[in-house]
Amino acid sequence: MMINTTSQVMIAIQFIYAVMSISSRAALLKGMSPRVFVVYRQAMATLAILHQLSISLSKHNHIVLILRYTKILFLLH
């Protein structure tokens, strides 16, 4: 069962990567500024991460997860 789930996750990640590659090429070919595209891409990634965070916070202890995510963000920055 775990192998099947792992394969599905790998396929989903490849699909997302392909969609991002095609959409970025199309946006840049239609004249979108690369800087504007980067801002839009980062904004969408932030929204996706916040959505996942809100799902995680609704299931677990809020304080512990907020401290964990804050520590990770500061270490990555």
Protein backbone atom coordinates (compact mmCIF):
# COMPACT_ATOMS: atom_id res chain seq x y z
CA MET A 1 0.00 0.00 0.00
CA MET A 2 2.82 2.42 0.84
CA ILE A 3 4.53 1.89 -2.52
CA ASN A 4 1.31 2.75 -4.34
CA THR A 5 0.87 5.95 -2.30
CA THR A 6 4.49 6.93 -2.90
CA SER A 7 4.08 6.46 -6.63
CA GLN A 8 0.92 8.54 -6.63
CA VAL A 9 2.65 11.37 -4.80
CA MET A 10 5.57 11.27 -7.23
CA ILE A 11 3.21 11.41 -10.22
CA ALA A 12 1.27 14.29 -8.66
CA ILE A 13 4.48 16.26 -8.07
CA GLN A 14 5.61 15.69 -11.66
CA PHE A 15 2.18 16.80 -12.92
CA ILE A 16 2.34 20.01 -10.86
CA TYR A 17 5.87 20.68 -12.11
CA ALA A 18 4.76 20.18 -15.73
CA VAL A 19 1.79 22.52 -15.32
CA MET A 20 4.00 25.18 -13.75
CA SER A 21 6.54 24.86 -16.54
CA ILE A 22 3.94 25.13 -19.30
CA SER A 23 2.08 27.99 -17.65
CA SER A 24 5.25 29.97 -16.98
CA ARG A 25 6.38 29.57 -20.58
CA ALA A 26 2.96 30.64 -21.88
CA ALA A 27 2.84 33.66 -19.57
CA LEU A 28 6.31 34.82 -20.53
CA LEU A 29 5.67 34.32 -24.26
CA LYS A 30 2.49 36.42 -24.03
CA GLY A 31 4.50 39.32 -22.64
CA MET A 32 4.21 39.08 -18.89
CA SER A 33 7.13 40.65 -17.10
CA PRO A 34 9.38 38.05 -15.44
CA ARG A 35 9.33 40.06 -12.21
CA VAL A 36 5.52 40.15 -12.15
CA PHE A 37 5.40 36.42 -12.86
CA VAL A 38 7.74 35.70 -9.95
CA VAL A 39 5.58 37.79 -7.61
CA TYR A 40 2.43 35.94 -8.73
CA ARG A 41 4.12 32.57 -8.39
CA GLN A 42 5.37 33.36 -4.88
CA ALA A 43 1.93 34.66 -3.87
CA MET A 44 0.27 31.44 -5.04
CA ALA A 45 2.87 29.35 -3.19
CA THR A 46 2.27 31.37 -0.03
CA LEU A 47 -1.48 30.80 -0.28
CA ALA A 48 -0.96 27.07 -0.78
CA ILE A 49 1.33 26.86 2.25
CA LEU A 50 -1.08 28.89 4.40
CA HIS A 51 -3.92 26.61 3.37
CA GLN A 52 -1.94 23.55 4.41
CA LEU A 53 -0.95 25.27 7.66
CA SER A 54 -4.56 26.07 8.49
CA ILE A 55 -5.52 22.43 7.91
CA SER A 56 -2.67 21.29 10.16
CA LEU A 57 -3.57 23.78 12.88
CA SER A 58 -7.17 22.65 12.96
CA LYS A 59 -6.07 19.10 13.77
CA HIS A 60 -3.27 19.66 16.30
CA ASN A 61 -2.14 21.83 19.14
CA HIS A 62 -1.95 25.40 17.82
CA ILE A 63 0.90 26.73 19.94
CA VAL A 64 3.34 23.90 19.26
CA LEU A 65 2.81 24.03 15.49
CA ILE A 66 3.05 27.81 15.29
CA LEU A 67 6.39 27.71 17.12
CA ARG A 68 7.62 24.87 14.91
CA TYR A 69 6.69 26.64 11.65
CA THR A 70 8.11 29.94 12.86
CA LYS A 71 11.40 28.26 13.74
CA ILE A 72 11.56 26.60 10.32
CA LEU A 73 10.85 29.88 8.54
CA PHE A 74 13.57 31.71 10.45
CA LEU A 75 16.08 28.93 9.83
CA LEU A 76 15.34 28.92 6.11
CA HIS A 77 15.54 32.67 5.80
